[in-house]
Amino acid sequence: MNYEFMTADTPLPPCMPLPWAVLRLPVSSTAKVMYARLLDETLTDGIEDSNGILFIRFPVLKLAAALSRSYQTCKRSLNELEQAGMIMRVRQGVGETNHIYVLLPKEGRRYE
C-alpha cells in the first residue's frame, strides 16, 4: 500500500463515521471499530422497517471477515455494544439473520 502526506487540499480516502461520544464508551477497541462499520453499513445499505427506521442484516461470520476478527470476538463485541446501548438486535426466526439497529448517541461534543 502506498502512503502520502496530507496537505490542505488532499482528498480523504473512503472512511467510516465514528461519533466522538463512542470514544468515551467503556467498550473494547474492537467494539468501537465494529460500531463504525455497522454505522457505515446502515448509512450505505440500511433497510427501512415499517416505522421508517433503518436496520441492517449483517451475519456474524461476514462481520468477522469484514473486521478480520474471529467469530467469538465479534459475538463478544456485539454483546458489548448491545449492553452499552449502542445497538439493538432483534431476533428473527430460526436460521434467520438478526436485524441490527444502530443507535446514535445524543451528545455530540468533540471534547469533554
PDB file of N, CA and C in Angstrom:
ATOM      1  N   MET A   1       0.847  -1.168   0.000  1.00  0.00           N
ATOM      2  CA  MET A   1       0.000   0.000   0.000  1.00  0.00           C
ATOM      3  C   MET A   1       0.900   1.241   0.000  1.00  0.00           C
ATOM      4  N   ASN A   2       0.549   2.206  -0.798  1.00  0.00           N
ATOM      5  CA  ASN A   2       1.292   3.455  -0.852  1.00  0.00           C
ATOM      6  C   ASN A   2       0.677   4.472   0.103  1.00  0.00           C
ATOM      7  N   TYR A   3       1.525   5.304   0.667  1.00  0.00           N
ATOM      8  CA  TYR A   3       1.075   6.346   1.588  1.00  0.00           C
ATOM      9  C   TYR A   3       1.587   7.686   1.101  1.00  0.00           C
ATOM     10  N   GLU A   4       0.906   8.734   1.501  1.00  0.00           N
ATOM     11  CA  GLU A   4       1.340  10.073   1.135  1.00  0.00           C
ATOM     12  C   GLU A   4       1.034  11.024   2.284  1.00  0.00           C
ATOM     13  N   PHE A   5       1.755  12.119   2.343  1.00  0.00           N
ATOM     14  CA  PHE A   5       1.498  13.140   3.342  1.00  0.00           C
ATOM     15  C   PHE A   5       0.227  13.892   2.974  1.00  0.00           C
ATOM     16  N   MET A   6      -0.444  14.417   3.979  1.00  0.00           N
ATOM     17  CA  MET A   6      -1.648  15.210   3.734  1.00  0.00           C
ATOM     18  C   MET A   6      -1.278  16.678   3.565  1.00  0.00           C
ATOM     19  N   THR A   7      -1.969  17.316   2.671  1.00  0.00           N
ATOM     20  CA  THR A   7      -1.900  18.765   2.519  1.00  0.00           C
ATOM     21  C   THR A   7      -3.317  19.294   2.727  1.00  0.00           C
ATOM     22  N   ALA A   8      -3.479  20.589   2.700  1.00  0.00           N
ATOM     23  CA  ALA A   8      -4.796  21.187   2.933  1.00  0.00           C
ATOM     24  C   ALA A   8      -5.822  20.762   1.889  1.00  0.00           C
ATOM     25  N   ASP A   9      -5.385  20.437   0.683  1.00  0.00           N
ATOM     26  CA  ASP A   9      -6.339  20.079  -0.371  1.00  0.00           C
ATOM     27  C   ASP A   9      -6.325  18.585  -0.715  1.00  0.00           C
ATOM     28  N   THR A  10      -5.728  17.755   0.138  1.00  0.00           N
ATOM     29  CA  THR A  10      -5.709  16.312  -0.105  1.00  0.00           C
ATOM     30  C   THR A  10      -7.102  15.736   0.123  1.00  0.00           C
ATOM     31  N   PRO A  11      -7.661  15.037  -0.857  1.00  0.00           N
ATOM     32  CA  PRO A  11      -8.965  14.408  -0.637  1.00  0.00           C
ATOM     33  C   PRO A  11      -8.798  13.174   0.265  1.00  0.00           C
ATOM     34  N   LEU A  12      -9.753  12.974   1.145  1.00  0.00           N
ATOM     35  CA  LEU A  12      -9.703  11.815   2.029  1.00  0.00           C
ATOM     36  C   LEU A  12     -10.064  10.549   1.263  1.00  0.00           C
ATOM     37  N   PRO A  13      -9.437   9.440   1.605  1.00  0.00           N
ATOM     38  CA  PRO A  13      -9.861   8.163   1.025  1.00  0.00           C
ATOM     39  C   PRO A  13     -11.200   7.771   1.651  1.00  0.00           C
ATOM     40  N   PRO A  14     -11.871   6.779   1.121  1.00  0.00           N
ATOM     41  CA  PRO A  14     -13.129   6.343   1.741  1.00  0.00           C
ATOM     42  C   PRO A  14     -12.890   6.007   3.215  1.00  0.00           C
ATOM     43  N   CYS A  15     -13.791   6.461   4.074  1.00  0.00           N
ATOM     44  CA  CYS A  15     -13.629   6.212   5.502  1.00  0.00           C
ATOM     45  C   CYS A  15     -14.995   6.001   6.154  1.00  0.00           C
ATOM     46  N   MET A  16     -14.966   5.520   7.407  1.00  0.00           N
ATOM     47  CA  MET A  16     -16.191   5.221   8.133  1.00  0.00           C
ATOM     48  C   MET A  16     -16.441   6.282   9.201  1.00  0.00           C
ATOM     49  N   PRO A  17     -17.716   6.566   9.484  1.00  0.00           N
ATOM     50  CA  PRO A  17     -18.042   7.541  10.522  1.00  0.00           C
ATOM     51  C   PRO A  17     -17.895   6.931  11.922  1.00  0.00           C
ATOM     52  N   LEU A  18     -17.451   7.741  12.875  1.00  0.00           N
ATOM     53  CA  LEU A  18     -17.396   7.324  14.272  1.00  0.00           C
ATOM     54  C   LEU A  18     -17.724   8.541  15.140  1.00  0.00           C
ATOM     55  N   PRO A  19     -18.901   8.554  15.765  1.00  0.00           N
ATOM     56  CA  PRO A  19     -19.248   9.682  16.624  1.00  0.00           C
ATOM     57  C   PRO A  19     -18.240   9.830  17.770  1.00  0.00           C
ATOM     58  N   TRP A  20     -17.932  11.073  18.134  1.00  0.00           N
ATOM     59  CA  TRP A  20     -16.968  11.341  19.197  1.00  0.00           C
ATOM     60  C   TRP A  20     -17.365  10.653  20.494  1.00  0.00           C
ATOM     61  N   ALA A  21     -18.648  10.600  20.799  1.00  0.00           N
ATOM     62  CA  ALA A  21     -19.115  10.009  22.058  1.00  0.00           C
ATOM     63  C   ALA A  21     -18.721   8.536  22.179  1.00  0.00           C
ATOM     64  N   VAL A  22     -18.564   7.850  21.067  1.00  0.00           N
ATOM     65  CA  VAL A  22     -18.212   6.429  21.090  1.00  0.00           C
ATOM     66  C   VAL A  22     -16.808   6.233  21.671  1.00  0.00           C
ATOM     67  N   LEU A  23     -15.938   7.207  21.489  1.00  0.00           N
ATOM     68  CA  LEU A  23     -14.573   7.087  22.002  1.00  0.00           C
ATOM     69  C   LEU A  23     -14.557   7.000  23.527  1.00  0.00           C
ATOM     70  N   ARG A  24     -15.564   7.546  24.183  1.00  0.00           N
ATOM     71  CA  ARG A  24     -15.618   7.535  25.650  1.00  0.00           C
ATOM     72  C   ARG A  24     -16.362   6.329  26.211  1.00  0.00           C
ATOM     73  N   LEU A  25     -16.883   5.476  25.359  1.00  0.00           N
ATOM     74  CA  LEU A  25     -17.622   4.312  25.846  1.00  0.00           C
ATOM     75  C   LEU A  25     -16.692   3.314  26.527  1.00  0.00           C
ATOM     76  N   PRO A  26     -17.167   2.661  27.576  1.00  0.00           N
ATOM     77  CA  PRO A  26     -16.360   1.639  28.240  1.00  0.00           C
ATOM     78  C   PRO A  26     -16.464   0.284  27.533  1.00  0.00           C
ATOM     79  N   VAL A  27     -16.105   0.275  26.250  1.00  0.00           N
ATOM     80  CA  VAL A  27     -16.111  -0.956  25.465  1.00  0.00           C
ATOM     81  C   VAL A  27     -14.741  -1.117  24.818  1.00  0.00           C
ATOM     82  N   SER A  28     -14.479  -2.301  24.300  1.00  0.00           N
ATOM     83  CA  SER A  28     -13.187  -2.586  23.689  1.00  0.00           C
ATOM     84  C   SER A  28     -12.982  -1.804  22.393  1.00  0.00           C
ATOM     85  N   SER A  29     -11.750  -1.721  21.985  1.00  0.00           N
ATOM     86  CA  SER A  29     -11.423  -1.058  20.716  1.00  0.00           C
ATOM     87  C   SER A  29     -12.074  -1.787  19.547  1.00  0.00           C
ATOM     88  N   THR A  30     -12.128  -3.096  19.630  1.00  0.00           N
ATOM     89  CA  THR A  30     -12.781  -3.870  18.571  1.00  0.00           C
ATOM     90  C   THR A  30     -14.254  -3.493  18.468  1.00  0.00           C
ATOM     91  N   ALA A  31     -14.911  -3.315  19.600  1.00  0.00           N
ATOM     92  CA  ALA A  31     -16.327  -2.930  19.589  1.00  0.00           C
ATOM     93  C   ALA A  31     -16.508  -1.545  18.973  1.00  0.00           C
ATOM     94  N   LYS A  32     -15.574  -0.635  19.216  1.00  0.00           N
ATOM     95  CA  LYS A  32     -15.660   0.708  18.643  1.00  0.00           C
ATOM     96  C   LYS A  32     -15.500   0.675  17.125  1.00  0.00           C
ATOM     97  N   VAL A  33     -14.549  -0.121  16.652  1.00  0.00           N
ATOM     98  CA  VAL A  33     -14.362  -0.261  15.204  1.00  0.00           C
ATOM     99  C   VAL A  33     -15.585  -0.942  14.601  1.00  0.00           C
ATOM    100  N   MET A  34     -16.114  -1.931  15.304  1.00  0.00           N
ATOM    101  CA  MET A  34     -17.314  -2.619  14.832  1.00  0.00           C
ATOM    102  C   MET A  34     -18.483  -1.643  14.729  1.00  0.00           C
ATOM    103  N   TYR A  35     -18.630  -0.765  15.714  1.00  0.00           N
ATOM    104  CA  TYR A  35     -19.705   0.223  15.676  1.00  0.00           C
ATOM    105  C   TYR A  35     -19.581   1.098  14.431  1.00  0.00           C
ATOM    106  N   ALA A  36     -18.360   1.553  14.140  1.00  0.00           N
ATOM    107  CA  ALA A  36     -18.144   2.382  12.947  1.00  0.00           C
ATOM    108  C   ALA A  36     -18.528   1.610  11.694  1.00  0.00           C
ATOM    109  N   ARG A  37     -18.177   0.339  11.639  1.00  0.00           N
ATOM    110  CA  ARG A  37     -18.501  -0.487  10.459  1.00  0.00           C
ATOM    111  C   ARG A  37     -20.009  -0.686  10.335  1.00  0.00           C
ATOM    112  N   LEU A  38     -20.681  -0.941  11.450  1.00  0.00           N
ATOM    113  CA  LEU A  38     -22.133  -1.121  11.432  1.00  0.00           C
ATOM    114  C   LEU A  38     -22.846   0.175  11.045  1.00  0.00           C
ATOM    115  N   LEU A  39     -22.363   1.301  11.560  1.00  0.00           N
ATOM    116  CA  LEU A  39     -22.950   2.596  11.210  1.00  0.00           C
ATOM    117  C   LEU A  39     -22.763   2.880   9.723  1.00  0.00           C
ATOM    118  N   ASP A  40     -21.577   2.596   9.209  1.00  0.00           N
ATOM    119  CA  ASP A  40     -21.316   2.789   7.782  1.00  0.00           C
ATOM    120  C   ASP A  40     -22.245   1.915   6.938  1.00  0.00           C
ATOM    121  N   GLU A  41     -22.406   0.679   7.344  1.00  0.00           N
ATOM    122  CA  GLU A  41     -23.295  -0.242   6.615  1.00  0.00           C
ATOM    123  C   GLU A  41     -24.738   0.268   6.648  1.00  0.00           C
ATOM    124  N   THR A  42     -25.161   0.801   7.778  1.00  0.00           N
ATOM    125  CA  THR A  42     -26.520   1.331   7.902  1.00  0.00           C
ATOM    126  C   THR A  42     -26.716   2.524   6.978  1.00  0.00           C
ATOM    127  N   LEU A  43     -25.721   3.402   6.929  1.00  0.00           N
ATOM    128  CA  LEU A  43     -25.826   4.594   6.081  1.00  0.00           C
ATOM    129  C   LEU A  43     -25.818   4.261   4.593  1.00  0.00           C
ATOM    130  N   THR A  44     -25.095   3.207   4.212  1.00  0.00           N
ATOM    131  CA  THR A  44     -24.994   2.875   2.787  1.00  0.00           C
ATOM    132  C   THR A  44     -26.040   1.861   2.328  1.00  0.00           C
ATOM    133  N   ASP A  45     -26.346   0.865   3.171  1.00  0.00           N
ATOM    134  CA  ASP A  45     -27.242  -0.214   2.740  1.00  0.00           C
ATOM    135  C   ASP A  45     -28.365  -0.509   3.725  1.00  0.00           C
ATOM    136  N   GLY A  46     -28.714   0.480   4.561  1.00  0.00           N
ATOM    137  CA  GLY A  46     -29.762   0.254   5.544  1.00  0.00           C
ATOM    138  C   GLY A  46     -31.109  -0.024   4.899  1.00  0.00           C
ATOM    139  N   ILE A  47     -31.907  -0.824   5.586  1.00  0.00           N
ATOM    140  CA  ILE A  47     -33.244  -1.201   5.125  1.00  0.00           C
ATOM    141  C   ILE A  47     -34.243  -0.547   6.070  1.00  0.00           C
ATOM    142  N   GLU A  48     -35.286   0.059   5.521  1.00  0.00           N
ATOM    143  CA  GLU A  48     -36.302   0.683   6.373  1.00  0.00           C
ATOM    144  C   GLU A  48     -37.296  -0.347   6.864  1.00  0.00           C
ATOM    145  N   ASP A  49     -37.592  -0.269   8.179  1.00  0.00           N
ATOM    146  CA  ASP A  49     -38.642  -1.135   8.706  1.00  0.00           C
ATOM    147  C   ASP A  49     -39.994  -0.437   8.519  1.00  0.00           C
ATOM    148  N   SER A  50     -41.046  -0.991   9.058  1.00  0.00           N
ATOM    149  CA  SER A  50     -42.388  -0.434   8.859  1.00  0.00           C
ATOM    150  C   SER A  50     -42.555   0.945   9.510  1.00  0.00           C
ATOM    151  N   ASN A  51     -41.647   1.316  10.416  1.00  0.00           N
ATOM    152  CA  ASN A  51     -41.694   2.631  11.068  1.00  0.00           C
ATOM    153  C   ASN A  51     -40.747   3.633  10.425  1.00  0.00           C
ATOM    154  N   GLY A  52     -40.073   3.234   9.357  1.00  0.00           N
ATOM    155  CA  GLY A  52     -39.133   4.126   8.689  1.00  0.00           C
ATOM    156  C   GLY A  52     -37.761   4.177   9.346  1.00  0.00           C
ATOM    157  N   ILE A  53     -37.497   3.262  10.282  1.00  0.00           N
ATOM    158  CA  ILE A  53     -36.209   3.219  10.978  1.00  0.00           C
ATOM    159  C   ILE A  53     -35.287   2.257  10.242  1.00  0.00           C
ATOM    160  N   LEU A  54     -34.033   2.685  10.047  1.00  0.00           N
ATOM    161  CA  LEU A  54     -33.074   1.867   9.314  1.00  0.00           C
ATOM    162  C   LEU A  54     -32.492   0.751  10.173  1.00  0.00           C
ATOM    163  N   PHE A  55     -32.350  -0.417   9.581  1.00  0.00           N
ATOM    164  CA  PHE A  55     -31.669  -1.537  10.217  1.00  0.00           C
ATOM    165  C   PHE A  55     -30.828  -2.233   9.162  1.00  0.00           C
ATOM    166  N   ILE A  56     -29.959  -3.120   9.626  1.00  0.00           N
ATOM    167  CA  ILE A  56     -29.147  -3.912   8.699  1.00  0.00           C
ATOM    168  C   ILE A  56     -29.213  -5.375   9.093  1.00  0.00           C
ATOM    169  N   ARG A  57     -28.888  -6.206   8.140  1.00  0.00           N
ATOM    170  CA  ARG A  57     -28.682  -7.636   8.375  1.00  0.00           C
ATOM    171  C   ARG A  57     -27.202  -7.882   8.094  1.00  0.00           C
ATOM    172  N   PHE A  58     -26.457  -8.253   9.106  1.00  0.00           N
ATOM    173  CA  PHE A  58     -25.015  -8.450   8.949  1.00  0.00           C
ATOM    174  C   PHE A  58     -24.647  -9.709   9.722  1.00  0.00           C
ATOM    175  N   PRO A  59     -24.641 -10.869   9.061  1.00  0.00           N
ATOM    176  CA  PRO A  59     -24.313 -12.109   9.759  1.00  0.00           C
ATOM    177  C   PRO A  59     -22.948 -12.016  10.454  1.00  0.00           C
ATOM    178  N   VAL A  60     -22.832 -12.644  11.608  1.00  0.00           N
ATOM    179  CA  VAL A  60     -21.605 -12.554  12.402  1.00  0.00           C
ATOM    180  C   VAL A  60     -20.399 -13.065  11.618  1.00  0.00           C
ATOM    181  N   LEU A  61     -20.564 -14.110  10.838  1.00  0.00           N
ATOM    182  CA  LEU A  61     -19.432 -14.619  10.049  1.00  0.00           C
ATOM    183  C   LEU A  61     -18.943 -13.591   9.035  1.00  0.00           C
ATOM    184  N   LYS A  62     -19.861 -12.883   8.389  1.00  0.00           N
ATOM    185  CA  LYS A  62     -19.464 -11.845   7.428  1.00  0.00           C
ATOM    186  C   LYS A  62     -18.856 -10.644   8.148  1.00  0.00           C
ATOM    187  N   LEU A  63     -19.392 -10.312   9.316  1.00  0.00           N
ATOM    188  CA  LEU A  63     -18.843  -9.222  10.113  1.00  0.00           C
ATOM    189  C   LEU A  63     -17.420  -9.564  10.565  1.00  0.00           C
ATOM    190  N   ALA A  64     -17.211 -10.807  10.962  1.00  0.00           N
ATOM    191  CA  ALA A  64     -15.880 -11.253  11.369  1.00  0.00           C
ATOM    192  C   ALA A  64     -14.893 -11.131  10.206  1.00  0.00           C
ATOM    193  N   ALA A  65     -15.323 -11.509   9.022  1.00  0.00           N
ATOM    194  CA  ALA A  65     -14.457 -11.392   7.839  1.00  0.00           C
ATOM    195  C   ALA A  65     -14.180  -9.931   7.508  1.00  0.00           C
ATOM    196  N   ALA A  66     -15.193  -9.078   7.628  1.00  0.00           N
ATOM    197  CA  ALA A  66     -15.031  -7.653   7.306  1.00  0.00           C
ATOM    198  C   ALA A  66     -14.064  -6.960   8.271  1.00  0.00           C
ATOM    199  N   LEU A  67     -14.020  -7.428   9.519  1.00  0.00           N
ATOM    200  CA  LEU A  67     -13.167  -6.805  10.529  1.00  0.00           C
ATOM    201  C   LEU A  67     -11.864  -7.570  10.765  1.00  0.00           C
ATOM    202  N   SER A  68     -11.700  -8.684  10.076  1.00  0.00           N
ATOM    203  CA  SER A  68     -10.532  -9.553  10.281  1.00  0.00           C
ATOM    204  C   SER A  68     -10.399  -9.964  11.746  1.00  0.00           C
ATOM    205  N   ARG A  69     -11.506 -10.379  12.322  1.00  0.00           N
ATOM    206  CA  ARG A  69     -11.543 -10.844  13.704  1.00  0.00           C
ATOM    207  C   ARG A  69     -12.234 -12.205  13.737  1.00  0.00           C
ATOM    208  N   SER A  70     -12.083 -12.907  14.840  1.00  0.00           N
ATOM    209  CA  SER A  70     -12.699 -14.225  14.960  1.00  0.00           C
ATOM    210  C   SER A  70     -14.198 -14.100  15.199  1.00  0.00           C
ATOM    211  N   TYR A  71     -14.886 -15.186  14.954  1.00  0.00           N
ATOM    212  CA  TYR A  71     -16.330 -15.251  15.184  1.00  0.00           C
ATOM    213  C   TYR A  71     -16.644 -14.918  16.641  1.00  0.00           C
ATOM    214  N   GLN A  72     -15.901 -15.520  17.577  1.00  0.00           N
ATOM    215  CA  GLN A  72     -16.136 -15.306  19.004  1.00  0.00           C
ATOM    216  C   GLN A  72     -15.870 -13.861  19.419  1.00  0.00           C
ATOM    217  N   THR A  73     -14.816 -13.257  18.870  1.00  0.00           N
ATOM    218  CA  THR A  73     -14.509 -11.861  19.180  1.00  0.00           C
ATOM    219  C   THR A  73     -15.649 -10.959  18.711  1.00  0.00           C
ATOM    220  N   CYS A  74     -16.193 -11.245  17.545  1.00  0.00           N
ATOM    221  CA  CYS A  74     -17.296 -10.437  17.027  1.00  0.00           C
ATOM    222  C   CYS A  74     -18.558 -10.619  17.859  1.00  0.00           C
ATOM    223  N   LYS A  75     -18.839 -11.834  18.281  1.00  0.00           N
ATOM    224  CA  LYS A  75     -20.001 -12.050  19.144  1.00  0.00           C
ATOM    225  C   LYS A  75     -19.843 -11.285  20.451  1.00  0.00           C
ATOM    226  N   ARG A  76     -18.636 -11.319  21.024  1.00  0.00           N
ATOM    227  CA  ARG A  76     -18.366 -10.608  22.275  1.00  0.00           C
ATOM    228  C   ARG A  76     -18.528  -9.093  22.081  1.00  0.00           C
ATOM    229  N   SER A  77     -18.020  -8.577  20.958  1.00  0.00           N
ATOM    230  CA  SER A  77     -18.117  -7.139  20.688  1.00  0.00           C
ATOM    231  C   SER A  77     -19.564  -6.719  20.435  1.00  0.00           C
ATOM    232  N   LEU A  78     -20.330  -7.537  19.750  1.00  0.00           N
ATOM    233  CA  LEU A  78     -21.759  -7.243  19.556  1.00  0.00           C
ATOM    234  C   LEU A  78     -22.473  -7.171  20.903  1.00  0.00           C
ATOM    235  N   ASN A  79     -22.150  -8.101  21.796  1.00  0.00           N
ATOM    236  CA  ASN A  79     -22.750  -8.080  23.134  1.00  0.00           C
ATOM    237  C   ASN A  79     -22.348  -6.826  23.896  1.00  0.00           C
ATOM    238  N   GLU A  80     -21.080  -6.414  23.781  1.00  0.00           N
ATOM    239  CA  GLU A  80     -20.619  -5.181  24.426  1.00  0.00           C
ATOM    240  C   GLU A  80     -21.424  -3.982  23.931  1.00  0.00           C
ATOM    241  N   LEU A  81     -21.569  -3.878  22.613  1.00  0.00           N
ATOM    242  CA  LEU A  81     -22.303  -2.749  22.028  1.00  0.00           C
ATOM    243  C   LEU A  81     -23.764  -2.758  22.454  1.00  0.00           C
ATOM    244  N   GLU A  82     -24.342  -3.936  22.513  1.00  0.00           N
ATOM    245  CA  GLU A  82     -25.745  -4.025  22.914  1.00  0.00           C
ATOM    246  C   GLU A  82     -25.909  -3.640  24.389  1.00  0.00           C
ATOM    247  N   GLN A  83     -25.010  -4.106  25.249  1.00  0.00           N
ATOM    248  CA  GLN A  83     -25.085  -3.767  26.672  1.00  0.00           C
ATOM    249  C   GLN A  83     -24.825  -2.283  26.915  1.00  0.00           C
ATOM    250  N   ALA A  84     -24.003  -1.661  26.053  1.00  0.00           N
ATOM    251  CA  ALA A  84     -23.723  -0.221  26.179  1.00  0.00           C
ATOM    252  C   ALA A  84     -24.846   0.628  25.590  1.00  0.00           C
ATOM    253  N   GLY A  85     -25.842  -0.008  24.967  1.00  0.00           N
ATOM    254  CA  GLY A  85     -26.968   0.728  24.396  1.00  0.00           C
ATOM    255  C   GLY A  85     -26.669   1.369  23.048  1.00  0.00           C
ATOM    256  N   MET A  86     -25.653   0.868  22.344  1.00  0.00           N
ATOM    257  CA  MET A  86     -25.278   1.452  21.057  1.00  0.00           C
ATOM    258  C   MET A  86     -25.916   0.727  19.872  1.00  0.00           C
ATOM    259  N   ILE A  87     -26.341  -0.503  20.074  1.00  0.00           N
ATOM    260  CA  ILE A  87     -27.075  -1.224  19.032  1.00  0.00           C
ATOM    261  C   ILE A  87     -28.234  -1.965  19.689  1.00  0.00           C
ATOM    262  N   MET A  88     -29.185  -2.329  18.866  1.00  0.00           N
ATOM    263  CA  MET A  88     -30.276  -3.174  19.318  1.00  0.00           C
ATOM    264  C   MET A  88     -30.430  -4.281  18.284  1.00  0.00           C
ATOM    265  N   ARG A  89     -30.368  -5.515  18.758  1.00  0.00           N
ATOM    266  CA  ARG A  89     -30.558  -6.655  17.860  1.00  0.00           C
ATOM    267  C   ARG A  89     -31.952  -7.217  18.069  1.00  0.00           C
ATOM    268  N   VAL A  90     -32.654  -7.427  16.965  1.00  0.00           N
ATOM    269  CA  VAL A  90     -33.987  -8.005  17.016  1.00  0.00           C
ATOM    270  C   VAL A  90     -33.903  -9.391  16.399  1.00  0.00           C
ATOM    271  N   ARG A  91     -34.151 -10.368  17.218  1.00  0.00           N
ATOM    272  CA  ARG A  91     -34.062 -11.759  16.776  1.00  0.00           C
ATOM    273  C   ARG A  91     -35.147 -12.055  15.742  1.00  0.00           C
ATOM    274  N   GLN A  92     -34.776 -12.825  14.741  1.00  0.00           N
ATOM    275  CA  GLN A  92     -35.723 -13.252  13.717  1.00  0.00           C
ATOM    276  C   GLN A  92     -35.965 -14.747  13.920  1.00  0.00           C
ATOM    277  N   GLY A  93     -36.515 -15.404  12.978  1.00  0.00           N
ATOM    278  CA  GLY A  93     -36.795 -16.826  13.087  1.00  0.00           C
ATOM    279  C   GLY A  93     -35.525 -17.658  13.111  1.00  0.00           C
ATOM    280  N   VAL A  94     -35.670 -18.932  13.377  1.00  0.00           N
ATOM    281  CA  VAL A  94     -34.547 -19.861  13.425  1.00  0.00           C
ATOM    282  C   VAL A  94     -33.834 -19.865  12.068  1.00  0.00           C
ATOM    283  N   GLY A  95     -32.524 -19.685  12.103  1.00  0.00           N
ATOM    284  CA  GLY A  95     -31.737 -19.668  10.877  1.00  0.00           C
ATOM    285  C   GLY A  95     -31.741 -18.336  10.146  1.00  0.00           C
ATOM    286  N   GLU A  96     -32.482 -17.366  10.658  1.00  0.00           N
ATOM    287  CA  GLU A  96     -32.553 -16.041  10.036  1.00  0.00           C
ATOM    288  C   GLU A  96     -31.537 -15.101  10.689  1.00  0.00           C
ATOM    289  N   THR A  97     -31.030 -14.154   9.914  1.00  0.00           N
ATOM    290  CA  THR A  97     -30.097 -13.167  10.431  1.00  0.00           C
ATOM    291  C   THR A  97     -30.846 -12.109  11.242  1.00  0.00           C
ATOM    292  N   ASN A  98     -30.281 -11.747  12.407  1.00  0.00           N
ATOM    293  CA  ASN A  98     -30.888 -10.707  13.248  1.00  0.00           C
ATOM    294  C   ASN A  98     -30.944  -9.378  12.503  1.00  0.00           C
ATOM    295  N   HIS A  99     -31.925  -8.566  12.859  1.00  0.00           N
ATOM    296  CA  HIS A  99     -31.948  -7.181  12.411  1.00  0.00           C
ATOM    297  C   HIS A  99     -31.137  -6.402  13.434  1.00  0.00           C
ATOM    298  N   ILE A 100     -30.200  -5.585  12.956  1.00  0.00           N
ATOM    299  CA  ILE A 100     -29.380  -4.774  13.845  1.00  0.00           C
ATOM    300  C   ILE A 100     -29.735  -3.312  13.621  1.00  0.00           C
ATOM    301  N   TYR A 101     -30.170  -2.662  14.690  1.00  0.00           N
ATOM    302  CA  TYR A 101     -30.451  -1.231  14.670  1.00  0.00           C
ATOM    303  C   TYR A 101     -29.260  -0.537  15.325  1.00  0.00           C
ATOM    304  N   VAL A 102     -28.621   0.368  14.605  1.00  0.00           N
ATOM    305  CA  VAL A 102     -27.501   1.123  15.153  1.00  0.00           C
ATOM    306  C   VAL A 102     -28.072   2.401  15.757  1.00  0.00           C
ATOM    307  N   LEU A 103     -27.841   2.577  17.049  1.00  0.00           N
ATOM    308  CA  LEU A 103     -28.380   3.732  17.771  1.00  0.00           C
ATOM    309  C   LEU A 103     -27.317   4.819  17.834  1.00  0.00           C
ATOM    310  N   LEU A 104     -27.745   6.063  17.732  1.00  0.00           N
ATOM    311  CA  LEU A 104     -26.816   7.199  17.728  1.00  0.00           C
ATOM    312  C   LEU A 104     -26.790   7.865  19.095  1.00  0.00           C
ATOM    313  N   PRO A 105     -25.597   8.234  19.564  1.00  0.00           N
ATOM    314  CA  PRO A 105     -25.523   8.954  20.839  1.00  0.00           C
ATOM    315  C   PRO A 105     -26.122  10.348  20.684  1.00  0.00           C
ATOM    316  N   LYS A 106     -26.829  10.808  21.694  1.00  0.00           N
ATOM    317  CA  LYS A 106     -27.457  12.134  21.627  1.00  0.00           C
ATOM    318  C   LYS A 106     -26.443  13.244  21.779  1.00  0.00           C
ATOM    319  N   GLU A 107     -25.435  13.032  22.614  1.00  0.00           N
ATOM    320  CA  GLU A 107     -24.437  14.081  22.798  1.00  0.00           C
ATOM    321  C   GLU A 107     -23.355  13.950  21.738  1.00  0.00           C
ATOM    322  N   GLY A 108     -23.010  15.057  21.148  1.00  0.00           N
ATOM    323  CA  GLY A 108     -22.056  15.002  20.060  1.00  0.00           C
ATOM    324  C   GLY A 108     -20.854  15.902  20.243  1.00  0.00           C
ATOM    325  N   ARG A 109     -20.544  16.281  21.495  1.00  0.00           N
ATOM    326  CA  ARG A 109     -19.412  17.168  21.726  1.00  0.00           C
ATOM    327  C   ARG A 109     -18.101  16.478  21.356  1.00  0.00           C
ATOM    328  N   ARG A 110     -17.214  17.259  20.800  1.00  0.00           N
ATOM    329  CA  ARG A 110     -15.915  16.711  20.421  1.00  0.00           C
ATOM    330  C   ARG A 110     -15.050  16.416  21.636  1.00  0.00           C
ATOM    331  N   TYR A 111     -15.007  17.340  22.565  1.00  0.00           N
ATOM    332  CA  TYR A 111     -14.098  17.202  23.703  1.00  0.00           C
ATOM    333  C   TYR A 111     -14.861  17.414  25.005  1.00  0.00           C
ATOM    334  N   GLU A 112     -14.529  16.640  25.986  1.00  0.00           N
ATOM    335  CA  GLU A 112     -15.101  16.814  27.331  1.00  0.00           C
ATOM    336  C   GLU A 112     -14.048  16.500  28.346  1.00  0.00           C
TER     337      GLU A 112
END
